[in-house]
Amino acid sequence: MKLTIIPADGAVYKDGYSYSGLNLAAAPGNVHALQWKDTKGWIEFTDNDDGTKPQNEVITELPSWANTCVTKWDEAETARLAAEEAARLAAQNNVGA
Protein backbone atom coordinates (compact mmCIF):
# COMPACT_ATOMS: atom_id res chain seq x y z
CA MET A 1 0.00 0.00 0.00
CA LYS A 2 1.19 3.48 -0.82
CA LEU A 3 -0.04 6.00 1.72
CA THR A 4 0.33 9.71 2.45
CA ILE A 5 -1.38 11.43 5.37
CA ILE A 6 -1.36 15.22 5.74
CA PRO A 7 -3.24 16.03 8.95
CA ALA A 8 -3.42 19.82 8.46
CA ASP A 9 -5.33 19.29 5.20
CA GLY A 10 -7.39 16.39 6.52
CA ALA A 11 -5.99 14.52 3.53
CA VAL A 12 -5.31 10.84 3.07
CA TYR A 13 -3.91 9.51 -0.21
CA LYS A 14 -4.10 5.72 -0.48
CA ASP A 15 -2.90 3.84 -3.55
CA GLY A 16 -3.44 6.85 -5.79
CA TYR A 17 -6.89 7.85 -4.51
CA SER A 18 -7.40 10.72 -2.10
CA TYR A 19 -9.91 12.32 0.20
CA SER A 20 -9.46 15.65 1.93
CA GLY A 21 -11.41 17.41 4.63
CA LEU A 22 -11.38 14.25 6.75
CA ASN A 23 -11.34 14.47 10.53
CA LEU A 24 -7.78 13.43 11.30
CA ALA A 25 -7.77 14.56 14.93
CA ALA A 26 -6.11 11.24 15.85
CA ALA A 27 -2.83 12.49 14.34
CA PRO A 28 -0.36 14.16 16.70
CA GLY A 29 -0.25 17.94 16.37
CA ASN A 30 3.43 18.00 15.42
CA VAL A 31 3.05 15.75 12.34
CA HIS A 32 3.27 17.44 8.96
CA ALA A 33 2.95 14.24 6.94
CA LEU A 34 3.33 10.50 6.98
CA GLN A 35 4.70 8.75 3.90
CA TRP A 36 4.43 4.95 3.56
CA LYS A 37 5.13 2.40 0.85
CA ASP A 38 4.48 -1.30 1.38
CA THR A 39 6.54 -2.08 4.51
CA LYS A 40 8.30 1.14 5.49
CA GLY A 41 8.02 4.89 5.54
CA TRP A 42 8.68 8.01 7.52
CA ILE A 43 6.98 10.75 9.48
CA GLU A 44 7.72 14.39 8.69
CA PHE A 45 7.30 16.83 11.55
CA THR A 46 6.35 20.50 11.71
CA ASP A 47 8.94 23.03 12.82
CA ASN A 48 9.57 23.36 16.52
CA ASP A 49 8.61 26.58 18.30
CA ASP A 50 12.22 27.76 18.01
CA GLY A 51 12.14 27.33 14.22
CA THR A 52 14.28 24.21 14.11
CA LYS A 53 13.16 21.32 11.95
CA PRO A 54 13.04 17.86 13.56
CA GLN A 55 14.48 14.99 11.57
CA ASN A 56 12.09 12.63 9.84
CA GLU A 57 11.31 9.49 11.80
CA VAL A 58 11.78 6.26 9.86
CA ILE A 59 9.02 3.74 10.58
CA THR A 60 8.51 0.07 9.75
CA GLU A 61 5.03 -0.14 11.23
CA LEU A 62 2.10 2.24 10.88
CA PRO A 63 1.31 4.03 14.13
CA SER A 64 -2.18 3.48 15.54
CA TRP A 65 -3.14 7.07 14.69
CA ALA A 66 -2.25 6.40 11.03
CA ASN A 67 -4.48 3.33 11.02
CA THR A 68 -7.28 5.52 12.37
CA CYS A 69 -6.69 7.94 9.48
CA VAL A 70 -6.81 5.05 6.99
CA THR A 71 -10.15 4.04 8.51
CA LYS A 72 -11.43 7.57 7.77
CA TRP A 73 -10.31 7.12 4.14
CA ASP A 74 -12.04 3.71 4.02
CA GLU A 75 -15.27 5.25 5.33
CA ALA A 76 -15.15 8.01 2.69
CA GLU A 77 -14.50 5.43 -0.05
CA THR A 78 -17.39 3.27 1.14
CA ALA A 79 -19.71 6.31 1.10
CA ARG A 80 -18.54 7.24 -2.42
CA LEU A 81 -19.15 3.74 -3.73
CA ALA A 82 -22.60 3.62 -2.10
CA ALA A 83 -23.51 6.98 -3.68
CA GLU A 84 -22.35 5.77 -7.10
CA GLU A 85 -24.43 2.61 -6.75
CA ALA A 86 -27.48 4.61 -5.65
CA ALA A 87 -27.08 6.92 -8.64
CA ARG A 88 -26.70 3.94 -10.98
CA LEU A 89 -29.86 2.31 -9.60
CA ALA A 90 -31.79 5.58 -9.81
CA ALA A 91 -30.76 6.03 -13.43
CA GLN A 92 -31.69 2.44 -14.20
CA ASN A 93 -35.12 2.89 -12.59
CA ASN A 94 -35.72 6.12 -14.53
CA VAL A 95 -35.05 4.48 -17.89
CA GLY A 96 -38.47 2.85 -17.95
CA ALA A 97 -40.34 5.77 -16.36
PDB file of N, CA and C in Angstrom:
ATOM      1  N   MET A   1       0.850  -1.175   0.000  1.00  0.00           N
ATOM      2  CA  MET A   1       0.000   0.000   0.000  1.00  0.00           C
ATOM      3  C   MET A   1       0.893   1.234   0.000  1.00  0.00           C
ATOM      4  N   LYS A   2       0.535   2.173  -0.813  1.00  0.00           N
ATOM      5  CA  LYS A   2       1.195   3.477  -0.822  1.00  0.00           C
ATOM      6  C   LYS A   2       0.258   4.446  -0.112  1.00  0.00           C
ATOM      7  N   LEU A   3       0.789   5.180   0.866  1.00  0.00           N
ATOM      8  CA  LEU A   3      -0.043   6.004   1.720  1.00  0.00           C
ATOM      9  C   LEU A   3       0.643   7.322   2.043  1.00  0.00           C
ATOM     10  N   THR A   4      -0.114   8.405   1.970  1.00  0.00           N
ATOM     11  CA  THR A   4       0.334   9.711   2.453  1.00  0.00           C
ATOM     12  C   THR A   4      -0.783  10.285   3.301  1.00  0.00           C
ATOM     13  N   ILE A   5      -0.420  10.780   4.470  1.00  0.00           N
ATOM     14  CA  ILE A   5      -1.380  11.430   5.369  1.00  0.00           C
ATOM     15  C   ILE A   5      -0.860  12.824   5.655  1.00  0.00           C
ATOM     16  N   ILE A   6      -1.713  13.833   5.428  1.00  0.00           N
ATOM     17  CA  ILE A   6      -1.363  15.225   5.738  1.00  0.00           C
ATOM     18  C   ILE A   6      -2.449  15.762   6.672  1.00  0.00           C
ATOM     19  N   PRO A   7      -2.204  15.672   7.976  1.00  0.00           N
ATOM     20  CA  PRO A   7      -3.240  16.030   8.950  1.00  0.00           C
ATOM     21  C   PRO A   7      -3.793  17.446   8.816  1.00  0.00           C
ATOM     22  N   ALA A   8      -2.948  18.430   8.537  1.00  0.00           N
ATOM     23  CA  ALA A   8      -3.425  19.820   8.461  1.00  0.00           C
ATOM     24  C   ALA A   8      -4.458  20.011   7.360  1.00  0.00           C
ATOM     25  N   ASP A   9      -4.377  19.210   6.308  1.00  0.00           N
ATOM     26  CA  ASP A   9      -5.331  19.289   5.198  1.00  0.00           C
ATOM     27  C   ASP A   9      -6.478  18.291   5.358  1.00  0.00           C
ATOM     28  N   GLY A  10      -6.396  17.459   6.378  1.00  0.00           N
ATOM     29  CA  GLY A  10      -7.393  16.395   6.521  1.00  0.00           C
ATOM     30  C   GLY A  10      -7.343  15.457   5.335  1.00  0.00           C
ATOM     31  N   ALA A  11      -6.140  15.265   4.782  1.00  0.00           N
ATOM     32  CA  ALA A  11      -5.992  14.523   3.530  1.00  0.00           C
ATOM     33  C   ALA A  11      -5.318  13.177   3.737  1.00  0.00           C
ATOM     34  N   VAL A  12      -5.896  12.161   3.097  1.00  0.00           N
ATOM     35  CA  VAL A  12      -5.308  10.835   3.069  1.00  0.00           C
ATOM     36  C   VAL A  12      -5.286  10.388   1.613  1.00  0.00           C
ATOM     37  N   TYR A  13      -4.104  10.027   1.146  1.00  0.00           N
ATOM     38  CA  TYR A  13      -3.906   9.507  -0.207  1.00  0.00           C
ATOM     39  C   TYR A  13      -3.535   8.039  -0.055  1.00  0.00           C
ATOM     40  N   LYS A  14      -4.342   7.158  -0.618  1.00  0.00           N
ATOM     41  CA  LYS A  14      -4.103   5.721  -0.483  1.00  0.00           C
ATOM     42  C   LYS A  14      -4.134   5.091  -1.871  1.00  0.00           C
ATOM     43  N   ASP A  15      -3.017   4.528  -2.263  1.00  0.00           N
ATOM     44  CA  ASP A  15      -2.901   3.837  -3.550  1.00  0.00           C
ATOM     45  C   ASP A  15      -3.424   4.679  -4.715  1.00  0.00           C
ATOM     46  N   GLY A  16      -3.099   5.967  -4.685  1.00  0.00           N
ATOM     47  CA  GLY A  16      -3.441   6.852  -5.795  1.00  0.00           C
ATOM     48  C   GLY A  16      -4.794   7.529  -5.707  1.00  0.00           C
ATOM     49  N   TYR A  17      -5.583   7.231  -4.677  1.00  0.00           N
ATOM     50  CA  TYR A  17      -6.894   7.853  -4.511  1.00  0.00           C
ATOM     51  C   TYR A  17      -6.883   8.666  -3.225  1.00  0.00           C
ATOM     52  N   SER A  18      -7.483   9.843  -3.269  1.00  0.00           N
ATOM     53  CA  SER A  18      -7.399  10.721  -2.102  1.00  0.00           C
ATOM     54  C   SER A  18      -8.746  11.264  -1.670  1.00  0.00           C
ATOM     55  N   TYR A  19      -8.794  11.582  -0.396  1.00  0.00           N
ATOM     56  CA  TYR A  19      -9.908  12.318   0.199  1.00  0.00           C
ATOM     57  C   TYR A  19      -9.303  13.396   1.079  1.00  0.00           C
ATOM     58  N   SER A  20      -9.915  14.572   1.056  1.00  0.00           N
ATOM     59  CA  SER A  20      -9.465  15.651   1.926  1.00  0.00           C
ATOM     60  C   SER A  20     -10.651  16.127   2.756  1.00  0.00           C
ATOM     61  N   GLY A  21     -10.363  16.931   3.749  1.00  0.00           N
ATOM     62  CA  GLY A  21     -11.413  17.411   4.633  1.00  0.00           C
ATOM     63  C   GLY A  21     -11.852  16.355   5.632  1.00  0.00           C
ATOM     64  N   LEU A  22     -11.057  15.294   5.782  1.00  0.00           N
ATOM     65  CA  LEU A  22     -11.378  14.247   6.747  1.00  0.00           C
ATOM     66  C   LEU A  22     -11.010  14.708   8.156  1.00  0.00           C
ATOM     67  N   ASN A  23     -11.674  14.171   9.136  1.00  0.00           N
ATOM     68  CA  ASN A  23     -11.338  14.471  10.525  1.00  0.00           C
ATOM     69  C   ASN A  23     -10.168  13.586  10.925  1.00  0.00           C
ATOM     70  N   LEU A  24      -8.981  14.174  10.959  1.00  0.00           N
ATOM     71  CA  LEU A  24      -7.776  13.432  11.300  1.00  0.00           C
ATOM     72  C   LEU A  24      -7.242  13.858  12.662  1.00  0.00           C
ATOM     73  N   ALA A  25      -8.154  14.109  13.591  1.00  0.00           N
ATOM     74  CA  ALA A  25      -7.774  14.556  14.932  1.00  0.00           C
ATOM     75  C   ALA A  25      -6.921  13.521  15.661  1.00  0.00           C
ATOM     76  N   ALA A  26      -6.923  12.284  15.211  1.00  0.00           N
ATOM     77  CA  ALA A  26      -6.107  11.243  15.850  1.00  0.00           C
ATOM     78  C   ALA A  26      -4.613  11.487  15.654  1.00  0.00           C
ATOM     79  N   ALA A  27      -4.251  12.247  14.624  1.00  0.00           N
ATOM     80  CA  ALA A  27      -2.830  12.493  14.340  1.00  0.00           C
ATOM     81  C   ALA A  27      -2.244  13.463  15.357  1.00  0.00           C
ATOM     82  N   PRO A  28      -1.016  13.216  15.783  1.00  0.00           N
ATOM     83  CA  PRO A  28      -0.357  14.161  16.695  1.00  0.00           C
ATOM     84  C   PRO A  28      -0.219  15.545  16.055  1.00  0.00           C
ATOM     85  N   GLY A  29      -0.282  16.571  16.867  1.00  0.00           N
ATOM     86  CA  GLY A  29      -0.251  17.941  16.366  1.00  0.00           C
ATOM     87  C   GLY A  29       1.054  18.350  15.711  1.00  0.00           C
ATOM     88  N   ASN A  30       2.129  17.624  15.982  1.00  0.00           N
ATOM     89  CA  ASN A  30       3.427  18.004  15.417  1.00  0.00           C
ATOM     90  C   ASN A  30       3.771  17.244  14.132  1.00  0.00           C
ATOM     91  N   VAL A  31       2.804  16.518  13.572  1.00  0.00           N
ATOM     92  CA  VAL A  31       3.051  15.754  12.345  1.00  0.00           C
ATOM     93  C   VAL A  31       2.640  16.589  11.133  1.00  0.00           C
ATOM     94  N   HIS A  32       3.589  16.778  10.232  1.00  0.00           N
ATOM     95  CA  HIS A  32       3.274  17.442   8.963  1.00  0.00           C
ATOM     96  C   HIS A  32       2.728  16.416   7.975  1.00  0.00           C
ATOM     97  N   ALA A  33       3.390  15.261   7.885  1.00  0.00           N
ATOM     98  CA  ALA A  33       2.952  14.236   6.940  1.00  0.00           C
ATOM     99  C   ALA A  33       3.519  12.881   7.329  1.00  0.00           C
ATOM    100  N   LEU A  34       2.827  11.861   6.890  1.00  0.00           N
ATOM    101  CA  LEU A  34       3.331  10.497   6.977  1.00  0.00           C
ATOM    102  C   LEU A  34       3.389   9.970   5.557  1.00  0.00           C
ATOM    103  N   GLN A  35       4.511   9.369   5.215  1.00  0.00           N
ATOM    104  CA  GLN A  35       4.697   8.749   3.904  1.00  0.00           C
ATOM    105  C   GLN A  35       4.955   7.263   4.141  1.00  0.00           C
ATOM    106  N   TRP A  36       4.295   6.396   3.366  1.00  0.00           N
ATOM    107  CA  TRP A  36       4.426   4.955   3.564  1.00  0.00           C
ATOM    108  C   TRP A  36       4.366   4.258   2.224  1.00  0.00           C
ATOM    109  N   LYS A  37       5.212   3.242   2.047  1.00  0.00           N
ATOM    110  CA  LYS A  37       5.130   2.403   0.850  1.00  0.00           C
ATOM    111  C   LYS A  37       5.432   0.969   1.249  1.00  0.00           C
ATOM    112  N   ASP A  38       4.415   0.148   1.148  1.00  0.00           N
ATOM    113  CA  ASP A  38       4.483  -1.297   1.380  1.00  0.00           C
ATOM    114  C   ASP A  38       4.851  -1.655   2.821  1.00  0.00           C
ATOM    115  N   THR A  39       6.121  -1.607   3.186  1.00  0.00           N
ATOM    116  CA  THR A  39       6.537  -2.075   4.511  1.00  0.00           C
ATOM    117  C   THR A  39       7.361  -1.071   5.300  1.00  0.00           C
ATOM    118  N   LYS A  40       7.511   0.143   4.767  1.00  0.00           N
ATOM    119  CA  LYS A  40       8.301   1.142   5.490  1.00  0.00           C
ATOM    120  C   LYS A  40       7.901   2.545   5.062  1.00  0.00           C
ATOM    121  N   GLY A  41       8.331   3.497   5.853  1.00  0.00           N
ATOM    122  CA  GLY A  41       8.021   4.888   5.541  1.00  0.00           C
ATOM    123  C   GLY A  41       8.687   5.826   6.516  1.00  0.00           C
ATOM    124  N   TRP A  42       8.133   7.029   6.599  1.00  0.00           N
ATOM    125  CA  TRP A  42       8.676   8.011   7.520  1.00  0.00           C
ATOM    126  C   TRP A  42       7.606   9.013   7.898  1.00  0.00           C
ATOM    127  N   ILE A  43       7.861   9.681   9.002  1.00  0.00           N
ATOM    128  CA  ILE A  43       6.982  10.748   9.479  1.00  0.00           C
ATOM    129  C   ILE A  43       7.757  12.043   9.401  1.00  0.00           C
ATOM    130  N   GLU A  44       7.141  13.049   8.776  1.00  0.00           N
ATOM    131  CA  GLU A  44       7.719  14.388   8.690  1.00  0.00           C
ATOM    132  C   GLU A  44       7.037  15.252   9.744  1.00  0.00           C
ATOM    133  N   PHE A  45       7.833  16.020  10.465  1.00  0.00           N
ATOM    134  CA  PHE A  45       7.297  16.829  11.552  1.00  0.00           C
ATOM    135  C   PHE A  45       7.269  18.313  11.194  1.00  0.00           C
ATOM    136  N   THR A  46       6.395  19.046  11.856  1.00  0.00           N
ATOM    137  CA  THR A  46       6.352  20.499  11.707  1.00  0.00           C
ATOM    138  C   THR A  46       7.540  21.104  12.452  1.00  0.00           C
ATOM    139  N   ASP A  47       7.840  22.339  12.145  1.00  0.00           N
ATOM    140  CA  ASP A  47       8.940  23.028  12.820  1.00  0.00           C
ATOM    141  C   ASP A  47       8.641  23.158  14.308  1.00  0.00           C
ATOM    142  N   ASN A  48       9.701  23.101  15.088  1.00  0.00           N
ATOM    143  CA  ASN A  48       9.575  23.359  16.522  1.00  0.00           C
ATOM    144  C   ASN A  48       9.293  24.837  16.758  1.00  0.00           C
ATOM    145  N   ASP A  49       8.898  25.182  17.959  1.00  0.00           N
ATOM    146  CA  ASP A  49       8.608  26.582  18.299  1.00  0.00           C
ATOM    147  C   ASP A  49       9.809  27.492  18.068  1.00  0.00           C
ATOM    148  N   ASP A  50      11.016  26.943  18.206  1.00  0.00           N
ATOM    149  CA  ASP A  50      12.221  27.755  18.012  1.00  0.00           C
ATOM    150  C   ASP A  50      12.657  27.824  16.548  1.00  0.00           C
ATOM    151  N   GLY A  51      11.850  27.264  15.650  1.00  0.00           N
ATOM    152  CA  GLY A  51      12.136  27.330  14.223  1.00  0.00           C
ATOM    153  C   GLY A  51      12.999  26.198  13.704  1.00  0.00           C
ATOM    154  N   THR A  52      13.481  25.340  14.581  1.00  0.00           N
ATOM    155  CA  THR A  52      14.276  24.209  14.114  1.00  0.00           C
ATOM    156  C   THR A  52      13.367  23.137  13.531  1.00  0.00           C
ATOM    157  N   LYS A  53      13.925  22.368  12.642  1.00  0.00           N
ATOM    158  CA  LYS A  53      13.163  21.320  11.955  1.00  0.00           C
ATOM    159  C   LYS A  53      13.601  19.958  12.485  1.00  0.00           C
ATOM    160  N   PRO A  54      12.685  19.207  13.112  1.00  0.00           N
ATOM    161  CA  PRO A  54      13.043  17.859  13.564  1.00  0.00           C
ATOM    162  C   PRO A  54      13.330  16.938  12.382  1.00  0.00           C
ATOM    163  N   GLN A  55      14.198  15.972  12.605  1.00  0.00           N
ATOM    164  CA  GLN A  55      14.482  14.989  11.565  1.00  0.00           C
ATOM    165  C   GLN A  55      13.262  14.098  11.348  1.00  0.00           C
ATOM    166  N   ASN A  56      13.139  13.605  10.125  1.00  0.00           N
ATOM    167  CA  ASN A  56      12.087  12.629   9.837  1.00  0.00           C
ATOM    168  C   ASN A  56      12.326  11.382  10.685  1.00  0.00           C
ATOM    169  N   GLU A  57      11.227  10.731  11.057  1.00  0.00           N
ATOM    170  CA  GLU A  57      11.313   9.486  11.802  1.00  0.00           C
ATOM    171  C   GLU A  57      11.014   8.334  10.858  1.00  0.00           C
ATOM    172  N   VAL A  58      11.971   7.442  10.689  1.00  0.00           N
ATOM    173  CA  VAL A  58      11.780   6.258   9.856  1.00  0.00           C
ATOM    174  C   VAL A  58      10.906   5.277  10.630  1.00  0.00           C
ATOM    175  N   ILE A  59       9.927   4.686   9.940  1.00  0.00           N
ATOM    176  CA  ILE A  59       9.023   3.737  10.582  1.00  0.00           C
ATOM    177  C   ILE A  59       8.934   2.457   9.746  1.00  0.00           C
ATOM    178  N   THR A  60       8.717   1.352  10.428  1.00  0.00           N
ATOM    179  CA  THR A  60       8.512   0.066   9.750  1.00  0.00           C
ATOM    180  C   THR A  60       7.158  -0.528  10.114  1.00  0.00           C
ATOM    181  N   GLU A  61       6.386   0.255  10.839  1.00  0.00           N
ATOM    182  CA  GLU A  61       5.034  -0.135  11.233  1.00  0.00           C
ATOM    183  C   GLU A  61       4.198   1.140  11.308  1.00  0.00           C
ATOM    184  N   LEU A  62       2.974   1.068  10.803  1.00  0.00           N
ATOM    185  CA  LEU A  62       2.102   2.243  10.879  1.00  0.00           C
ATOM    186  C   LEU A  62       1.686   2.481  12.322  1.00  0.00           C
ATOM    187  N   PRO A  63       1.796   3.719  12.786  1.00  0.00           N
ATOM    188  CA  PRO A  63       1.314   4.028  14.133  1.00  0.00           C
ATOM    189  C   PRO A  63      -0.210   3.874  14.200  1.00  0.00           C
ATOM    190  N   SER A  64      -0.731   3.675  15.389  1.00  0.00           N
ATOM    191  CA  SER A  64      -2.178   3.478  15.536  1.00  0.00           C
ATOM    192  C   SER A  64      -2.952   4.678  15.008  1.00  0.00           C
ATOM    193  N   TRP A  65      -2.430   5.894  15.184  1.00  0.00           N
ATOM    194  CA  TRP A  65      -3.141   7.075  14.690  1.00  0.00           C
ATOM    195  C   TRP A  65      -3.239   7.043  13.163  1.00  0.00           C
ATOM    196  N   ALA A  66      -2.215   6.500  12.495  1.00  0.00           N
ATOM    197  CA  ALA A  66      -2.252   6.402  11.031  1.00  0.00           C
ATOM    198  C   ALA A  66      -3.311   5.402  10.596  1.00  0.00           C
ATOM    199  N   ASN A  67      -3.429   4.297  11.331  1.00  0.00           N
ATOM    200  CA  ASN A  67      -4.481   3.326  11.018  1.00  0.00           C
ATOM    201  C   ASN A  67      -5.863   3.941  11.189  1.00  0.00           C
ATOM    202  N   THR A  68      -6.014   4.806  12.187  1.00  0.00           N
ATOM    203  CA  THR A  68      -7.283   5.520  12.373  1.00  0.00           C
ATOM    204  C   THR A  68      -7.563   6.426  11.174  1.00  0.00           C
ATOM    205  N   CYS A  69      -6.530   7.086  10.658  1.00  0.00           N
ATOM    206  CA  CYS A  69      -6.692   7.942   9.476  1.00  0.00           C
ATOM    207  C   CYS A  69      -7.051   7.122   8.248  1.00  0.00           C
ATOM    208  N   VAL A  70      -6.469   5.942   8.107  1.00  0.00           N
ATOM    209  CA  VAL A  70      -6.806   5.050   6.990  1.00  0.00           C
ATOM    210  C   VAL A  70      -8.269   4.620   7.098  1.00  0.00           C
ATOM    211  N   THR A  71      -8.740   4.387   8.314  1.00  0.00           N
ATOM    212  CA  THR A  71     -10.153   4.042   8.513  1.00  0.00           C
ATOM    213  C   THR A  71     -11.048   5.173   8.031  1.00  0.00           C
ATOM    214  N   LYS A  72     -10.656   6.422   8.267  1.00  0.00           N
ATOM    215  CA  LYS A  72     -11.432   7.574   7.770  1.00  0.00           C
ATOM    216  C   LYS A  72     -11.475   7.556   6.241  1.00  0.00           C
ATOM    217  N   TRP A  73     -10.349   7.229   5.599  1.00  0.00           N
ATOM    218  CA  TRP A  73     -10.311   7.116   4.140  1.00  0.00           C
ATOM    219  C   TRP A  73     -11.246   6.006   3.689  1.00  0.00           C
ATOM    220  N   ASP A  74     -11.181   4.846   4.360  1.00  0.00           N
ATOM    221  CA  ASP A  74     -12.038   3.709   4.016  1.00  0.00           C
ATOM    222  C   ASP A  74     -13.517   4.075   4.120  1.00  0.00           C
ATOM    223  N   GLU A  75     -13.881   4.816   5.159  1.00  0.00           N
ATOM    224  CA  GLU A  75     -15.273   5.251   5.332  1.00  0.00           C
ATOM    225  C   GLU A  75     -15.703   6.175   4.199  1.00  0.00           C
ATOM    226  N   ALA A  76     -14.830   7.097   3.801  1.00  0.00           N
ATOM    227  CA  ALA A  76     -15.149   8.005   2.692  1.00  0.00           C
ATOM    228  C   ALA A  76     -15.291   7.235   1.385  1.00  0.00           C
ATOM    229  N   GLU A  77     -14.431   6.238   1.172  1.00  0.00           N
ATOM    230  CA  GLU A  77     -14.499   5.427  -0.048  1.00  0.00           C
ATOM    231  C   GLU A  77     -15.779   4.601  -0.069  1.00  0.00           C
ATOM    232  N   THR A  78     -16.146   4.037   1.053  1.00  0.00           N
ATOM    233  CA  THR A  78     -17.389   3.268   1.143  1.00  0.00           C
ATOM    234  C   THR A  78     -18.594   4.152   0.825  1.00  0.00           C
ATOM    235  N   ALA A  79     -18.605   5.370   1.363  1.00  0.00           N
ATOM    236  CA  ALA A  79     -19.705   6.309   1.101  1.00  0.00           C
ATOM    237  C   ALA A  79     -19.756   6.685  -0.382  1.00  0.00           C
ATOM    238  N   ARG A  80     -18.587   6.897  -0.993  1.00  0.00           N
ATOM    239  CA  ARG A  80     -18.541   7.245  -2.422  1.00  0.00           C
ATOM    240  C   ARG A  80     -19.090   6.101  -3.267  1.00  0.00           C
ATOM    241  N   LEU A  81     -18.671   4.893  -2.964  1.00  0.00           N
ATOM    242  CA  LEU A  81     -19.154   3.739  -3.728  1.00  0.00           C
ATOM    243  C   LEU A  81     -20.656   3.537  -3.559  1.00  0.00           C
ATOM    244  N   ALA A  82     -21.160   3.752  -2.347  1.00  0.00           N
ATOM    245  CA  ALA A  82     -22.599   3.622  -2.104  1.00  0.00           C
ATOM    246  C   ALA A  82     -23.375   4.683  -2.889  1.00  0.00           C
ATOM    247  N   ALA A  83     -22.842   5.902  -2.925  1.00  0.00           N
ATOM    248  CA  ALA A  83     -23.507   6.975  -3.676  1.00  0.00           C
ATOM    249  C   ALA A  83     -23.507   6.672  -5.173  1.00  0.00           C
ATOM    250  N   GLU A  84     -22.408   6.145  -5.681  1.00  0.00           N
ATOM    251  CA  GLU A  84     -22.354   5.767  -7.096  1.00  0.00           C
ATOM    252  C   GLU A  84     -23.377   4.679  -7.418  1.00  0.00           C
ATOM    253  N   GLU A  85     -23.471   3.698  -6.534  1.00  0.00           N
ATOM    254  CA  GLU A  85     -24.427   2.608  -6.748  1.00  0.00           C
ATOM    255  C   GLU A  85     -25.867   3.127  -6.693  1.00  0.00           C
ATOM    256  N   ALA A  86     -26.138   4.024  -5.745  1.00  0.00           N
ATOM    257  CA  ALA A  86     -27.483   4.607  -5.648  1.00  0.00           C
ATOM    258  C   ALA A  86     -27.818   5.401  -6.907  1.00  0.00           C
ATOM    259  N   ALA A  87     -26.856   6.154  -7.419  1.00  0.00           N
ATOM    260  CA  ALA A  87     -27.083   6.923  -8.645  1.00  0.00           C
ATOM    261  C   ALA A  87     -27.307   5.987  -9.835  1.00  0.00           C
ATOM    262  N   ARG A  88     -26.538   4.904  -9.893  1.00  0.00           N
ATOM    263  CA  ARG A  88     -26.701   3.941 -10.984  1.00  0.00           C
ATOM    264  C   ARG A  88     -28.089   3.307 -10.945  1.00  0.00           C
ATOM    265  N   LEU A  89     -28.523   2.921  -9.740  1.00  0.00           N
ATOM    266  CA  LEU A  89     -29.857   2.305  -9.599  1.00  0.00           C
ATOM    267  C   LEU A  89     -30.961   3.321  -9.930  1.00  0.00           C
ATOM    268  N   ALA A  90     -30.789   4.554  -9.501  1.00  0.00           N
ATOM    269  CA  ALA A  90     -31.787   5.578  -9.807  1.00  0.00           C
ATOM    270  C   ALA A  90     -31.895   5.800 -11.307  1.00  0.00           C
ATOM    271  N   ALA A  91     -30.755   5.846 -11.973  1.00  0.00           N
ATOM    272  CA  ALA A  91     -30.758   6.031 -13.428  1.00  0.00           C
ATOM    273  C   ALA A  91     -31.397   4.841 -14.128  1.00  0.00           C
ATOM    274  N   GLN A  92     -31.117   3.664 -13.628  1.00  0.00           N
ATOM    275  CA  GLN A  92     -31.686   2.445 -14.195  1.00  0.00           C
ATOM    276  C   GLN A  92     -33.199   2.435 -14.010  1.00  0.00           C
ATOM    277  N   ASN A  93     -33.679   2.861 -12.859  1.00  0.00           N
ATOM    278  CA  ASN A  93     -35.124   2.893 -12.593  1.00  0.00           C
ATOM    279  C   ASN A  93     -35.835   3.974 -13.406  1.00  0.00           C
ATOM    280  N   ASN A  94     -35.115   5.040 -13.758  1.00  0.00           N
ATOM    281  CA  ASN A  94     -35.721   6.122 -14.529  1.00  0.00           C
ATOM    282  C   ASN A  94     -35.764   5.827 -16.017  1.00  0.00           C
ATOM    283  N   VAL A  95     -35.063   4.821 -16.465  1.00  0.00           N
ATOM    284  CA  VAL A  95     -35.048   4.480 -17.892  1.00  0.00           C
ATOM    285  C   VAL A  95     -36.433   4.077 -18.356  1.00  0.00           C
ATOM    286  N   GLY A  96     -37.152   3.312 -17.549  1.00  0.00           N
ATOM    287  CA  GLY A  96     -38.472   2.853 -17.955  1.00  0.00           C
ATOM    288  C   GLY A  96     -39.601   3.775 -17.528  1.00  0.00           C
ATOM    289  N   ALA A  97     -39.282   4.872 -16.876  1.00  0.00           N
ATOM    290  CA  ALA A  97     -40.335   5.770 -16.358  1.00  0.00           C
ATOM    291  C   ALA A  97     -40.905   6.657 -17.435  1.00  0.00           C
TER     292      ALA A  97
END
